[in-house]
Amino acid sequence: MPSSSSRSGAGGDKVKASHILIKHQESRRKFSWKDPEGRVISNTTKEAAVSQLKSIREDIVSGKAKFQDIAATHSHCSSAKRGGDLGSFGKGQMQKPFEEATFALKVGEISDIVETESGVHIILRTA
């Protein structure tokens, strides 16, 4: 019997996730709710953004900080107002690297650094 439907969990066609986005000078849009004129983003290298996100990830994984709290204060995405919550989405709705990383996570797992045209992210799969 074929068993192709259970790979991504129940249903497998939608996930729910939160993320923390750090933009940098190579991001497609160099402004955010935190930096409306893009001054900080335009002066942040990709390497600096990755370094900042690695440090944030370590704090979350070690229990020093909560994902939602860090998202609310550090994420450049407007989802920061919701603790990084993006809600649920299916395939084809997000940039490919983001989508692939999210669908590969188990519920409760946090991704490594994921690069997209928007910047660098860490993703928490919530459902």
PDB file of N, CA and C in Angstrom:
ATOM      1  N   MET A   1       0.831  -1.195   0.000  1.00  0.00           N
ATOM      2  CA  MET A   1       0.000   0.000   0.000  1.00  0.00           C
ATOM      3  C   MET A   1       0.867   1.246   0.000  1.00  0.00           C
ATOM      4  N   PRO A   2       0.527   2.244  -0.812  1.00  0.00           N
ATOM      5  CA  PRO A   2       1.302   3.485  -0.807  1.00  0.00           C
ATOM      6  C   PRO A   2       1.065   4.268   0.492  1.00  0.00           C
ATOM      7  N   SER A   3       2.127   4.910   0.977  1.00  0.00           N
ATOM      8  CA  SER A   3       1.987   5.700   2.203  1.00  0.00           C
ATOM      9  C   SER A   3       2.597   7.086   2.025  1.00  0.00           C
ATOM     10  N   SER A   4       2.099   7.818   1.058  1.00  0.00           N
ATOM     11  CA  SER A   4       2.680   9.125   0.751  1.00  0.00           C
ATOM     12  C   SER A   4       2.019  10.273   1.505  1.00  0.00           C
ATOM     13  N   SER A   5       0.936  10.015   2.229  1.00  0.00           N
ATOM     14  CA  SER A   5       0.198  11.120   2.832  1.00  0.00           C
ATOM     15  C   SER A   5       0.658  11.504   4.232  1.00  0.00           C
ATOM     16  N   SER A   6       1.416  10.661   4.920  1.00  0.00           N
ATOM     17  CA  SER A   6       1.715  10.954   6.319  1.00  0.00           C
ATOM     18  C   SER A   6       3.075  11.614   6.540  1.00  0.00           C
ATOM     19  N   ARG A   7       3.797  11.993   5.501  1.00  0.00           N
ATOM     20  CA  ARG A   7       5.136  12.531   5.662  1.00  0.00           C
ATOM     21  C   ARG A   7       5.195  13.813   6.488  1.00  0.00           C
ATOM     22  N   SER A   8       4.273  14.736   6.286  1.00  0.00           N
ATOM     23  CA  SER A   8       4.311  16.009   6.998  1.00  0.00           C
ATOM     24  C   SER A   8       3.336  16.059   8.160  1.00  0.00           C
ATOM     25  N   GLY A   9       2.911  14.923   8.632  1.00  0.00           N
ATOM     26  CA  GLY A   9       1.976  14.904   9.749  1.00  0.00           C
ATOM     27  C   GLY A   9       0.546  14.901   9.257  1.00  0.00           C
ATOM     28  N   ALA A  10      -0.386  15.168  10.131  1.00  0.00           N
ATOM     29  CA  ALA A  10      -1.809  15.115   9.795  1.00  0.00           C
ATOM     30  C   ALA A  10      -2.129  16.103   8.684  1.00  0.00           C
ATOM     31  N   GLY A  11      -2.651  15.635   7.612  1.00  0.00           N
ATOM     32  CA  GLY A  11      -2.982  16.488   6.476  1.00  0.00           C
ATOM     33  C   GLY A  11      -1.772  16.797   5.629  1.00  0.00           C
ATOM     34  N   GLY A  12      -0.751  17.353   6.234  1.00  0.00           N
ATOM     35  CA  GLY A  12       0.501  17.599   5.529  1.00  0.00           C
ATOM     36  C   GLY A  12       0.481  18.762   4.566  1.00  0.00           C
ATOM     37  N   ASP A  13      -0.686  19.404   4.362  1.00  0.00           N
ATOM     38  CA  ASP A  13      -0.747  20.460   3.353  1.00  0.00           C
ATOM     39  C   ASP A  13      -0.645  21.864   3.946  1.00  0.00           C
ATOM     40  N   LYS A  14      -0.761  21.981   5.266  1.00  0.00           N
ATOM     41  CA  LYS A  14      -0.649  23.287   5.925  1.00  0.00           C
ATOM     42  C   LYS A  14       0.226  23.167   7.169  1.00  0.00           C
ATOM     43  N   VAL A  15       0.912  24.236   7.473  1.00  0.00           N
ATOM     44  CA  VAL A  15       1.700  24.322   8.703  1.00  0.00           C
ATOM     45  C   VAL A  15       1.343  25.645   9.377  1.00  0.00           C
ATOM     46  N   LYS A  16       1.696  25.752  10.642  1.00  0.00           N
ATOM     47  CA  LYS A  16       1.549  27.015  11.360  1.00  0.00           C
ATOM     48  C   LYS A  16       2.918  27.317  11.946  1.00  0.00           C
ATOM     49  N   ALA A  17       3.338  28.565  11.827  1.00  0.00           N
ATOM     50  CA  ALA A  17       4.684  28.901  12.278  1.00  0.00           C
ATOM     51  C   ALA A  17       4.780  30.345  12.743  1.00  0.00           C
ATOM     52  N   SER A  18       5.816  30.573  13.548  1.00  0.00           N
ATOM     53  CA  SER A  18       6.227  31.916  13.945  1.00  0.00           C
ATOM     54  C   SER A  18       7.663  32.084  13.468  1.00  0.00           C
ATOM     55  N   HIS A  19       8.084  33.327  13.301  1.00  0.00           N
ATOM     56  CA  HIS A  19       9.481  33.524  12.883  1.00  0.00           C
ATOM     57  C   HIS A  19      10.019  34.821  13.442  1.00  0.00           C
ATOM     58  N   ILE A  20      11.333  34.911  13.389  1.00  0.00           N
ATOM     59  CA  ILE A  20      12.049  36.144  13.704  1.00  0.00           C
ATOM     60  C   ILE A  20      12.859  36.473  12.458  1.00  0.00           C
ATOM     61  N   LEU A  21      12.626  37.657  11.922  1.00  0.00           N
ATOM     62  CA  LEU A  21      13.301  38.120  10.704  1.00  0.00           C
ATOM     63  C   LEU A  21      14.268  39.238  11.056  1.00  0.00           C
ATOM     64  N   ILE A  22      15.504  39.095  10.587  1.00  0.00           N
ATOM     65  CA  ILE A  22      16.479  40.181  10.676  1.00  0.00           C
ATOM     66  C   ILE A  22      16.849  40.563   9.241  1.00  0.00           C
ATOM     67  N   LYS A  23      16.556  41.803   8.889  1.00  0.00           N
ATOM     68  CA  LYS A  23      16.882  42.287   7.549  1.00  0.00           C
ATOM     69  C   LYS A  23      18.315  42.809   7.530  1.00  0.00           C
ATOM     70  N   HIS A  24      18.866  42.899   6.321  1.00  0.00           N
ATOM     71  CA  HIS A  24      20.235  43.394   6.146  1.00  0.00           C
ATOM     72  C   HIS A  24      20.329  44.122   4.817  1.00  0.00           C
ATOM     73  N   GLN A  25      21.510  44.636   4.503  1.00  0.00           N
ATOM     74  CA  GLN A  25      21.672  45.475   3.314  1.00  0.00           C
ATOM     75  C   GLN A  25      21.396  44.758   1.995  1.00  0.00           C
ATOM     76  N   GLU A  26      21.326  43.430   1.995  1.00  0.00           N
ATOM     77  CA  GLU A  26      20.995  42.696   0.772  1.00  0.00           C
ATOM     78  C   GLU A  26      19.517  42.299   0.710  1.00  0.00           C
ATOM     79  N   SER A  27      18.747  42.652   1.733  1.00  0.00           N
ATOM     80  CA  SER A  27      17.320  42.333   1.748  1.00  0.00           C
ATOM     81  C   SER A  27      16.592  43.090   0.653  1.00  0.00           C
ATOM     82  N   ARG A  28      15.508  42.500   0.138  1.00  0.00           N
ATOM     83  CA  ARG A  28      14.798  43.156  -0.973  1.00  0.00           C
ATOM     84  C   ARG A  28      14.117  44.461  -0.553  1.00  0.00           C
ATOM     85  N   ARG A  29      13.657  44.544   0.699  1.00  0.00           N
ATOM     86  CA  ARG A  29      13.092  45.798   1.213  1.00  0.00           C
ATOM     87  C   ARG A  29      13.906  46.215   2.432  1.00  0.00           C
ATOM     88  N   LYS A  30      14.515  47.372   2.359  1.00  0.00           N
ATOM     89  CA  LYS A  30      15.448  47.794   3.410  1.00  0.00           C
ATOM     90  C   LYS A  30      14.778  48.733   4.419  1.00  0.00           C
ATOM     91  N   PHE A  31      13.566  48.387   4.830  1.00  0.00           N
ATOM     92  CA  PHE A  31      12.870  49.133   5.868  1.00  0.00           C
ATOM     93  C   PHE A  31      11.941  48.169   6.584  1.00  0.00           C
ATOM     94  N   SER A  32      11.513  48.546   7.774  1.00  0.00           N
ATOM     95  CA  SER A  32      10.580  47.722   8.533  1.00  0.00           C
ATOM     96  C   SER A  32       9.865  48.597   9.547  1.00  0.00           C
ATOM     97  N   TRP A  33       8.938  48.004  10.281  1.00  0.00           N
ATOM     98  CA  TRP A  33       8.232  48.747  11.330  1.00  0.00           C
ATOM     99  C   TRP A  33       9.225  49.274  12.367  1.00  0.00           C
ATOM    100  N   LYS A  34      10.326  48.548  12.579  1.00  0.00           N
ATOM    101  CA  LYS A  34      11.347  48.941  13.554  1.00  0.00           C
ATOM    102  C   LYS A  34      12.283  50.013  13.009  1.00  0.00           C
ATOM    103  N   ASP A  35      12.425  50.029  11.703  1.00  0.00           N
ATOM    104  CA  ASP A  35      13.414  50.891  11.038  1.00  0.00           C
ATOM    105  C   ASP A  35      12.758  51.468   9.775  1.00  0.00           C
ATOM    106  N   PRO A  36      11.755  52.362   9.954  1.00  0.00           N
ATOM    107  CA  PRO A  36      10.959  52.834   8.817  1.00  0.00           C
ATOM    108  C   PRO A  36      11.760  53.499   7.703  1.00  0.00           C
ATOM    109  N   GLU A  37      12.876  54.115   8.048  1.00  0.00           N
ATOM    110  CA  GLU A  37      13.692  54.763   7.017  1.00  0.00           C
ATOM    111  C   GLU A  37      14.833  53.872   6.542  1.00  0.00           C
ATOM    112  N   GLY A  38      14.979  52.711   7.144  1.00  0.00           N
ATOM    113  CA  GLY A  38      15.969  51.746   6.696  1.00  0.00           C
ATOM    114  C   GLY A  38      17.406  52.088   7.036  1.00  0.00           C
ATOM    115  N   ARG A  39      17.616  52.980   7.980  1.00  0.00           N
ATOM    116  CA  ARG A  39      18.997  53.386   8.306  1.00  0.00           C
ATOM    117  C   ARG A  39      19.811  52.239   8.891  1.00  0.00           C
ATOM    118  N   VAL A  40      19.246  51.537   9.854  1.00  0.00           N
ATOM    119  CA  VAL A  40      19.974  50.429  10.490  1.00  0.00           C
ATOM    120  C   VAL A  40      20.124  49.267   9.509  1.00  0.00           C
ATOM    121  N   ILE A  41      19.027  48.921   8.836  1.00  0.00           N
ATOM    122  CA  ILE A  41      19.049  47.793   7.892  1.00  0.00           C
ATOM    123  C   ILE A  41      20.094  48.034   6.794  1.00  0.00           C
ATOM    124  N   SER A  42      20.137  49.233   6.248  1.00  0.00           N
ATOM    125  CA  SER A  42      21.085  49.544   5.161  1.00  0.00           C
ATOM    126  C   SER A  42      22.539  49.454   5.600  1.00  0.00           C
ATOM    127  N   ASN A  43      22.771  49.543   6.909  1.00  0.00           N
ATOM    128  CA  ASN A  43      24.139  49.466   7.423  1.00  0.00           C
ATOM    129  C   ASN A  43      24.453  48.117   8.068  1.00  0.00           C
ATOM    130  N   THR A  44      23.544  47.168   7.963  1.00  0.00           N
ATOM    131  CA  THR A  44      23.751  45.843   8.562  1.00  0.00           C
ATOM    132  C   THR A  44      24.167  44.860   7.479  1.00  0.00           C
ATOM    133  N   THR A  45      25.333  44.256   7.632  1.00  0.00           N
ATOM    134  CA  THR A  45      25.771  43.251   6.659  1.00  0.00           C
ATOM    135  C   THR A  45      24.996  41.960   6.895  1.00  0.00           C
ATOM    136  N   LYS A  46      24.977  41.111   5.882  1.00  0.00           N
ATOM    137  CA  LYS A  46      24.322  39.814   6.039  1.00  0.00           C
ATOM    138  C   LYS A  46      25.005  39.024   7.156  1.00  0.00           C
ATOM    139  N   GLU A  47      26.320  39.100   7.222  1.00  0.00           N
ATOM    140  CA  GLU A  47      27.076  38.380   8.255  1.00  0.00           C
ATOM    141  C   GLU A  47      26.669  38.849   9.657  1.00  0.00           C
ATOM    142  N   ALA A  48      26.493  40.161   9.835  1.00  0.00           N
ATOM    143  CA  ALA A  48      26.085  40.702  11.134  1.00  0.00           C
ATOM    144  C   ALA A  48      24.672  40.243  11.488  1.00  0.00           C
ATOM    145  N   ALA A  49      23.777  40.206  10.502  1.00  0.00           N
ATOM    146  CA  ALA A  49      22.402  39.756  10.736  1.00  0.00           C
ATOM    147  C   ALA A  49      22.387  38.285  11.143  1.00  0.00           C
ATOM    148  N   VAL A  50      23.179  37.462  10.459  1.00  0.00           N
ATOM    149  CA  VAL A  50      23.269  36.029  10.792  1.00  0.00           C
ATOM    150  C   VAL A  50      23.833  35.859  12.195  1.00  0.00           C
ATOM    151  N   SER A  51      24.867  36.610  12.520  1.00  0.00           N
ATOM    152  CA  SER A  51      25.484  36.528  13.838  1.00  0.00           C
ATOM    153  C   SER A  51      24.479  36.896  14.935  1.00  0.00           C
ATOM    154  N   GLN A  52      23.730  37.968  14.722  1.00  0.00           N
ATOM    155  CA  GLN A  52      22.717  38.398  15.685  1.00  0.00           C
ATOM    156  C   GLN A  52      21.657  37.302  15.868  1.00  0.00           C
ATOM    157  N   LEU A  53      21.223  36.725  14.760  1.00  0.00           N
ATOM    158  CA  LEU A  53      20.181  35.694  14.821  1.00  0.00           C
ATOM    159  C   LEU A  53      20.684  34.416  15.483  1.00  0.00           C
ATOM    160  N   LYS A  54      21.951  34.061  15.257  1.00  0.00           N
ATOM    161  CA  LYS A  54      22.526  32.883  15.923  1.00  0.00           C
ATOM    162  C   LYS A  54      22.522  33.077  17.432  1.00  0.00           C
ATOM    163  N   SER A  55      22.883  34.280  17.871  1.00  0.00           N
ATOM    164  CA  SER A  55      22.898  34.592  19.297  1.00  0.00           C
ATOM    165  C   SER A  55      21.484  34.530  19.880  1.00  0.00           C
ATOM    166  N   ILE A  56      20.529  35.084  19.159  1.00  0.00           N
ATOM    167  CA  ILE A  56      19.123  35.040  19.576  1.00  0.00           C
ATOM    168  C   ILE A  56      18.650  33.589  19.681  1.00  0.00           C
ATOM    169  N   ARG A  57      18.990  32.783  18.680  1.00  0.00           N
ATOM    170  CA  ARG A  57      18.573  31.377  18.671  1.00  0.00           C
ATOM    171  C   ARG A  57      19.143  30.641  19.885  1.00  0.00           C
ATOM    172  N   GLU A  58      20.414  30.890  20.185  1.00  0.00           N
ATOM    173  CA  GLU A  58      21.047  30.259  21.358  1.00  0.00           C
ATOM    174  C   GLU A  58      20.313  30.625  22.643  1.00  0.00           C
ATOM    175  N   ASP A  59      19.934  31.895  22.779  1.00  0.00           N
ATOM    176  CA  ASP A  59      19.210  32.341  23.968  1.00  0.00           C
ATOM    177  C   ASP A  59      17.854  31.647  24.095  1.00  0.00           C
ATOM    178  N   ILE A  60      17.180  31.441  22.969  1.00  0.00           N
ATOM    179  CA  ILE A  60      15.868  30.783  22.990  1.00  0.00           C
ATOM    180  C   ILE A  60      16.031  29.297  23.314  1.00  0.00           C
ATOM    181  N   VAL A  61      16.945  28.627  22.630  1.00  0.00           N
ATOM    182  CA  VAL A  61      17.148  27.186  22.823  1.00  0.00           C
ATOM    183  C   VAL A  61      17.619  26.880  24.246  1.00  0.00           C
ATOM    184  N   SER A  62      18.452  27.760  24.810  1.00  0.00           N
ATOM    185  CA  SER A  62      18.975  27.538  26.166  1.00  0.00           C
ATOM    186  C   SER A  62      17.960  27.898  27.250  1.00  0.00           C
ATOM    187  N   GLY A  63      16.861  28.530  26.855  1.00  0.00           N
ATOM    188  CA  GLY A  63      15.838  28.895  27.825  1.00  0.00           C
ATOM    189  C   GLY A  63      16.024  30.276  28.436  1.00  0.00           C
ATOM    190  N   LYS A  64      17.047  31.022  28.002  1.00  0.00           N
ATOM    191  CA  LYS A  64      17.277  32.377  28.522  1.00  0.00           C
ATOM    192  C   LYS A  64      16.194  33.352  28.068  1.00  0.00           C
ATOM    193  N   ALA A  65      15.588  33.062  26.926  1.00  0.00           N
ATOM    194  CA  ALA A  65      14.588  33.969  26.355  1.00  0.00           C
ATOM    195  C   ALA A  65      13.465  33.165  25.718  1.00  0.00           C
ATOM    196  N   LYS A  66      12.289  33.789  25.619  1.00  0.00           N
ATOM    197  CA  LYS A  66      11.143  33.160  24.957  1.00  0.00           C
ATOM    198  C   LYS A  66      11.067  33.644  23.515  1.00  0.00           C
ATOM    199  N   PHE A  67      10.759  32.715  22.613  1.00  0.00           N
ATOM    200  CA  PHE A  67      10.685  33.029  21.189  1.00  0.00           C
ATOM    201  C   PHE A  67       9.786  34.241  20.948  1.00  0.00           C
ATOM    202  N   GLN A  68       8.563  34.215  21.521  1.00  0.00           N
ATOM    203  CA  GLN A  68       7.585  35.271  21.275  1.00  0.00           C
ATOM    204  C   GLN A  68       8.089  36.635  21.770  1.00  0.00           C
ATOM    205  N   ASP A  69       8.774  36.649  22.905  1.00  0.00           N
ATOM    206  CA  ASP A  69       9.282  37.911  23.446  1.00  0.00           C
ATOM    207  C   ASP A  69      10.367  38.498  22.548  1.00  0.00           C
ATOM    208  N   ILE A  70      11.269  37.641  22.090  1.00  0.00           N
ATOM    209  CA  ILE A  70      12.347  38.100  21.201  1.00  0.00           C
ATOM    210  C   ILE A  70      11.770  38.574  19.870  1.00  0.00           C
ATOM    211  N   ALA A  71      10.802  37.815  19.346  1.00  0.00           N
ATOM    212  CA  ALA A  71      10.168  38.216  18.079  1.00  0.00           C
ATOM    213  C   ALA A  71       9.540  39.602  18.223  1.00  0.00           C
ATOM    214  N   ALA A  72       8.861  39.833  19.333  1.00  0.00           N
ATOM    215  CA  ALA A  72       8.162  41.107  19.550  1.00  0.00           C
ATOM    216  C   ALA A  72       9.119  42.294  19.589  1.00  0.00           C
ATOM    217  N   THR A  73      10.339  42.073  20.057  1.00  0.00           N
ATOM    218  CA  THR A  73      11.276  43.191  20.197  1.00  0.00           C
ATOM    219  C   THR A  73      12.340  43.268  19.108  1.00  0.00           C
ATOM    220  N   HIS A  74      12.668  42.133  18.471  1.00  0.00           N
ATOM    221  CA  HIS A  74      13.786  42.134  17.521  1.00  0.00           C
ATOM    222  C   HIS A  74      13.405  41.895  16.056  1.00  0.00           C
ATOM    223  N   SER A  75      12.284  41.234  15.796  1.00  0.00           N
ATOM    224  CA  SER A  75      11.952  40.879  14.415  1.00  0.00           C
ATOM    225  C   SER A  75      11.595  42.108  13.592  1.00  0.00           C
ATOM    226  N   HIS A  76      12.063  42.136  12.352  1.00  0.00           N
ATOM    227  CA  HIS A  76      11.738  43.230  11.444  1.00  0.00           C
ATOM    228  C   HIS A  76      10.407  43.011  10.735  1.00  0.00           C
ATOM    229  N   CYS A  77       9.793  41.864  10.918  1.00  0.00           N
ATOM    230  CA  CYS A  77       8.505  41.567  10.284  1.00  0.00           C
ATOM    231  C   CYS A  77       7.370  42.166  11.113  1.00  0.00           C
ATOM    232  N   SER A  78       6.306  42.582  10.455  1.00  0.00           N
ATOM    233  CA  SER A  78       5.156  43.125  11.187  1.00  0.00           C
ATOM    234  C   SER A  78       4.493  42.060  12.062  1.00  0.00           C
ATOM    235  N   SER A  79       4.803  40.781  11.836  1.00  0.00           N
ATOM    236  CA  SER A  79       4.278  39.719  12.702  1.00  0.00           C
ATOM    237  C   SER A  79       4.841  39.833  14.117  1.00  0.00           C
ATOM    238  N   ALA A  80       5.815  40.699  14.334  1.00  0.00           N
ATOM    239  CA  ALA A  80       6.381  40.924  15.666  1.00  0.00           C
ATOM    240  C   ALA A  80       5.284  41.298  16.659  1.00  0.00           C
ATOM    241  N   LYS A  81       4.266  42.016  16.178  1.00  0.00           N
ATOM    242  CA  LYS A  81       3.150  42.427  17.041  1.00  0.00           C
ATOM    243  C   LYS A  81       2.407  41.221  17.606  1.00  0.00           C
ATOM    244  N   ARG A  82       2.535  40.069  16.927  1.00  0.00           N
ATOM    245  CA  ARG A  82       1.875  38.831  17.358  1.00  0.00           C
ATOM    246  C   ARG A  82       2.911  37.817  17.867  1.00  0.00           C
ATOM    247  N   GLY A  83       4.058  38.294  18.321  1.00  0.00           N
ATOM    248  CA  GLY A  83       5.109  37.399  18.802  1.00  0.00           C
ATOM    249  C   GLY A  83       5.709  36.564  17.687  1.00  0.00           C
ATOM    250  N   GLY A  84       5.637  37.079  16.464  1.00  0.00           N
ATOM    251  CA  GLY A  84       6.199  36.389  15.306  1.00  0.00           C
ATOM    252  C   GLY A  84       5.236  35.445  14.604  1.00  0.00           C
ATOM    253  N   ASP A  85       4.017  35.316  15.124  1.00  0.00           N
ATOM    254  CA  ASP A  85       3.044  34.354  14.584  1.00  0.00           C
ATOM    255  C   ASP A  85       2.614  34.729  13.168  1.00  0.00           C
ATOM    256  N   LEU A  86       2.834  33.809  12.236  1.00  0.00           N
ATOM    257  CA  LEU A  86       2.424  34.006  10.847  1.00  0.00           C
ATOM    258  C   LEU A  86       1.093  33.327  10.544  1.00  0.00           C
ATOM    259  N   GLY A  87       0.574  32.575  11.515  1.00  0.00           N
ATOM    260  CA  GLY A  87      -0.642  31.814  11.262  1.00  0.00           C
ATOM    261  C   GLY A  87      -0.325  30.582  10.438  1.00  0.00           C
ATOM    262  N   SER A  88      -1.340  30.025   9.802  1.00  0.00           N
ATOM    263  CA  SER A  88      -1.103  28.818   9.002  1.00  0.00           C
ATOM    264  C   SER A  88      -0.978  29.179   7.535  1.00  0.00           C
ATOM    265  N   PHE A  89      -0.216  28.361   6.827  1.00  0.00           N
ATOM    266  CA  PHE A  89      -0.037  28.574   5.393  1.00  0.00           C
ATOM    267  C   PHE A  89       0.251  27.244   4.719  1.00  0.00           C
ATOM    268  N   GLY A  90      -0.038  27.211   3.430  1.00  0.00           N
ATOM    269  CA  GLY A  90       0.202  26.015   2.636  1.00  0.00           C
ATOM    270  C   GLY A  90       1.365  26.214   1.696  1.00  0.00           C
ATOM    271  N   LYS A  91       1.627  25.196   0.919  1.00  0.00           N
ATOM    272  CA  LYS A  91       2.727  25.273  -0.046  1.00  0.00           C
ATOM    273  C   LYS A  91       2.420  26.318  -1.111  1.00  0.00           C
ATOM    274  N   GLY A  92       3.463  27.034  -1.507  1.00  0.00           N
ATOM    275  CA  GLY A  92       3.326  28.045  -2.547  1.00  0.00           C
ATOM    276  C   GLY A  92       2.960  29.429  -2.014  1.00  0.00           C
ATOM    277  N   GLN A  93       2.805  29.578  -0.702  1.00  0.00           N
ATOM    278  CA  GLN A  93       2.411  30.874  -0.137  1.00  0.00           C
ATOM    279  C   GLN A  93       3.587  31.681   0.396  1.00  0.00           C
ATOM    280  N   MET A  94       4.701  31.033   0.657  1.00  0.00           N
ATOM    281  CA  MET A  94       5.880  31.710   1.204  1.00  0.00           C
ATOM    282  C   MET A  94       7.047  31.536   0.234  1.00  0.00           C
ATOM    283  N   GLN A  95       8.119  32.292   0.459  1.00  0.00           N
ATOM    284  CA  GLN A  95       9.313  32.104  -0.355  1.00  0.00           C
ATOM    285  C   GLN A  95       9.808  30.667  -0.158  1.00  0.00           C
ATOM    286  N   LYS A  96      10.291  30.070  -1.228  1.00  0.00           N
ATOM    287  CA  LYS A  96      10.636  28.641  -1.242  1.00  0.00           C
ATOM    288  C   LYS A  96      11.539  28.201  -0.085  1.00  0.00           C
ATOM    289  N   PRO A  97      12.662  28.874   0.196  1.00  0.00           N
ATOM    290  CA  PRO A  97      13.520  28.408   1.299  1.00  0.00           C
ATOM    291  C   PRO A  97      12.790  28.418   2.645  1.00  0.00           C
ATOM    292  N   PHE A  98      11.932  29.424   2.851  1.00  0.00           N
ATOM    293  CA  PHE A  98      11.168  29.540   4.095  1.00  0.00           C
ATOM    294  C   PHE A  98      10.169  28.388   4.186  1.00  0.00           C
ATOM    295  N   GLU A  99       9.455  28.163   3.116  1.00  0.00           N
ATOM    296  CA  GLU A  99       8.471  27.082   3.068  1.00  0.00           C
ATOM    297  C   GLU A  99       9.130  25.722   3.307  1.00  0.00           C
ATOM    298  N   GLU A 100      10.205  25.449   2.604  1.00  0.00           N
ATOM    299  CA  GLU A 100      10.877  24.153   2.733  1.00  0.00           C
ATOM    300  C   GLU A 100      11.373  23.930   4.162  1.00  0.00           C
ATOM    301  N   ALA A 101      11.941  24.962   4.766  1.00  0.00           N
ATOM    302  CA  ALA A 101      12.446  24.837   6.139  1.00  0.00           C
ATOM    303  C   ALA A 101      11.296  24.583   7.114  1.00  0.00           C
ATOM    304  N   THR A 102      10.192  25.293   6.935  1.00  0.00           N
ATOM    305  CA  THR A 102       9.058  25.149   7.853  1.00  0.00           C
ATOM    306  C   THR A 102       8.443  23.764   7.757  1.00  0.00           C
ATOM    307  N   PHE A 103       8.214  23.279   6.544  1.00  0.00           N
ATOM    308  CA  PHE A 103       7.604  21.963   6.368  1.00  0.00           C
ATOM    309  C   PHE A 103       8.532  20.844   6.856  1.00  0.00           C
ATOM    310  N   ALA A 104       9.842  21.097   6.896  1.00  0.00           N
ATOM    311  CA  ALA A 104      10.802  20.080   7.347  1.00  0.00           C
ATOM    312  C   ALA A 104      10.868  19.985   8.876  1.00  0.00           C
ATOM    313  N   LEU A 105      10.394  21.018   9.570  1.00  0.00           N
ATOM    314  CA  LEU A 105      10.430  21.025  11.035  1.00  0.00           C
ATOM    315  C   LEU A 105       9.318  20.170  11.625  1.00  0.00           C
ATOM    316  N   LYS A 106       9.565  19.643  12.808  1.00  0.00           N
ATOM    317  CA  LYS A 106       8.511  19.016  13.592  1.00  0.00           C
ATOM    318  C   LYS A 106       7.883  20.118  14.447  1.00  0.00           C
ATOM    319  N   VAL A 107       6.653  19.931  14.878  1.00  0.00           N
ATOM    320  CA  VAL A 107       5.990  20.909  15.732  1.00  0.00           C
ATOM    321  C   VAL A 107       6.837  21.119  16.989  1.00  0.00           C
ATOM    322  N   GLY A 108       7.101  22.388  17.308  1.00  0.00           N
ATOM    323  CA  GLY A 108       7.908  22.728  18.475  1.00  0.00           C
ATOM    324  C   GLY A 108       9.385  22.911  18.174  1.00  0.00           C
ATOM    325  N   GLU A 109       9.815  22.546  16.968  1.00  0.00           N
ATOM    326  CA  GLU A 109      11.229  22.689  16.598  1.00  0.00           C
ATOM    327  C   GLU A 109      11.515  24.095  16.078  1.00  0.00           C
ATOM    328  N   ILE A 110      12.750  24.540  16.290  1.00  0.00           N
ATOM    329  CA  ILE A 110      13.224  25.829  15.779  1.00  0.00           C
ATOM    330  C   ILE A 110      14.270  25.547  14.708  1.00  0.00           C
ATOM    331  N   SER A 111      14.131  26.225  13.587  1.00  0.00           N
ATOM    332  CA  SER A 111      15.060  26.029  12.471  1.00  0.00           C
ATOM    333  C   SER A 111      16.426  26.625  12.766  1.00  0.00           C
ATOM    334  N   ASP A 112      17.388  26.234  11.936  1.00  0.00           N
ATOM    335  CA  ASP A 112      18.652  26.945  11.881  1.00  0.00           C
ATOM    336  C   ASP A 112      18.372  28.231  11.102  1.00  0.00           C
ATOM    337  N   ILE A 113      19.387  28.982  10.769  1.00  0.00           N
ATOM    338  CA  ILE A 113      19.224  30.216  10.003  1.00  0.00           C
ATOM    339  C   ILE A 113      18.708  29.872   8.597  1.00  0.00           C
ATOM    340  N   VAL A 114      17.665  30.573   8.178  1.00  0.00           N
ATOM    341  CA  VAL A 114      17.087  30.386   6.840  1.00  0.00           C
ATOM    342  C   VAL A 114      17.205  31.722   6.110  1.00  0.00           C
ATOM    343  N   GLU A 115      17.828  31.688   4.927  1.00  0.00           N
ATOM    344  CA  GLU A 115      17.996  32.908   4.135  1.00  0.00           C
ATOM    345  C   GLU A 115      16.934  32.990   3.051  1.00  0.00           C
ATOM    346  N   THR A 116      16.292  34.165   2.937  1.00  0.00           N
ATOM    347  CA  THR A 116      15.363  34.429   1.840  1.00  0.00           C
ATOM    348  C   THR A 116      15.682  35.816   1.286  1.00  0.00           C
ATOM    349  N   GLU A 117      14.929  36.239   0.283  1.00  0.00           N
ATOM    350  CA  GLU A 117      15.103  37.587  -0.259  1.00  0.00           C
ATOM    351  C   GLU A 117      14.755  38.648   0.774  1.00  0.00           C
ATOM    352  N   SER A 118      13.961  38.280   1.775  1.00  0.00           N
ATOM    353  CA  SER A 118      13.545  39.238   2.807  1.00  0.00           C
ATOM    354  C   SER A 118      14.627  39.488   3.850  1.00  0.00           C
ATOM    355  N   GLY A 119      15.485  38.504   4.067  1.00  0.00           N
ATOM    356  CA  GLY A 119      16.524  38.607   5.086  1.00  0.00           C
ATOM    357  C   GLY A 119      16.832  37.231   5.642  1.00  0.00           C
ATOM    358  N   VAL A 120      17.231  37.188   6.916  1.00  0.00           N
ATOM    359  CA  VAL A 120      17.519  35.901   7.554  1.00  0.00           C
ATOM    360  C   VAL A 120      16.505  35.669   8.668  1.00  0.00           C
ATOM    361  N   HIS A 121      16.106  34.416   8.823  1.00  0.00           N
ATOM    362  CA  HIS A 121      15.035  34.058   9.752  1.00  0.00           C
ATOM    363  C   HIS A 121      15.446  32.876  10.614  1.00  0.00           C
ATOM    364  N   ILE A 122      14.794  32.760  11.773  1.00  0.00           N
ATOM    365  CA  ILE A 122      14.661  31.478  12.456  1.00  0.00           C
ATOM    366  C   ILE A 122      13.157  31.260  12.555  1.00  0.00           C
ATOM    367  N   ILE A 123      12.783  30.007  12.412  1.00  0.00           N
ATOM    368  CA  ILE A 123      11.374  29.648  12.328  1.00  0.00           C
ATOM    369  C   ILE A 123      11.025  28.659  13.432  1.00  0.00           C
ATOM    370  N   LEU A 124       9.909  28.877  14.075  1.00  0.00           N
ATOM    371  CA  LEU A 124       9.364  27.968  15.072  1.00  0.00           C
ATOM    372  C   LEU A 124       8.078  27.395  14.499  1.00  0.00           C
ATOM    373  N   ARG A 125       8.060  26.084  14.253  1.00  0.00           N
ATOM    374  CA  ARG A 125       6.823  25.463  13.768  1.00  0.00           C
ATOM    375  C   ARG A 125       5.905  25.235  14.954  1.00  0.00           C
ATOM    376  N   THR A 126       4.687  25.747  14.878  1.00  0.00           N
ATOM    377  CA  THR A 126       3.752  25.666  15.993  1.00  0.00           C
ATOM    378  C   THR A 126       2.607  24.679  15.753  1.00  0.00           C
ATOM    379  N   ALA A 127       2.382  24.270  14.526  1.00  0.00           N
ATOM    380  CA  ALA A 127       1.349  23.253  14.230  1.00  0.00           C
ATOM    381  C   ALA A 127       1.568  22.710  12.827  1.00  0.00           C
TER     382      ALA A 127
END
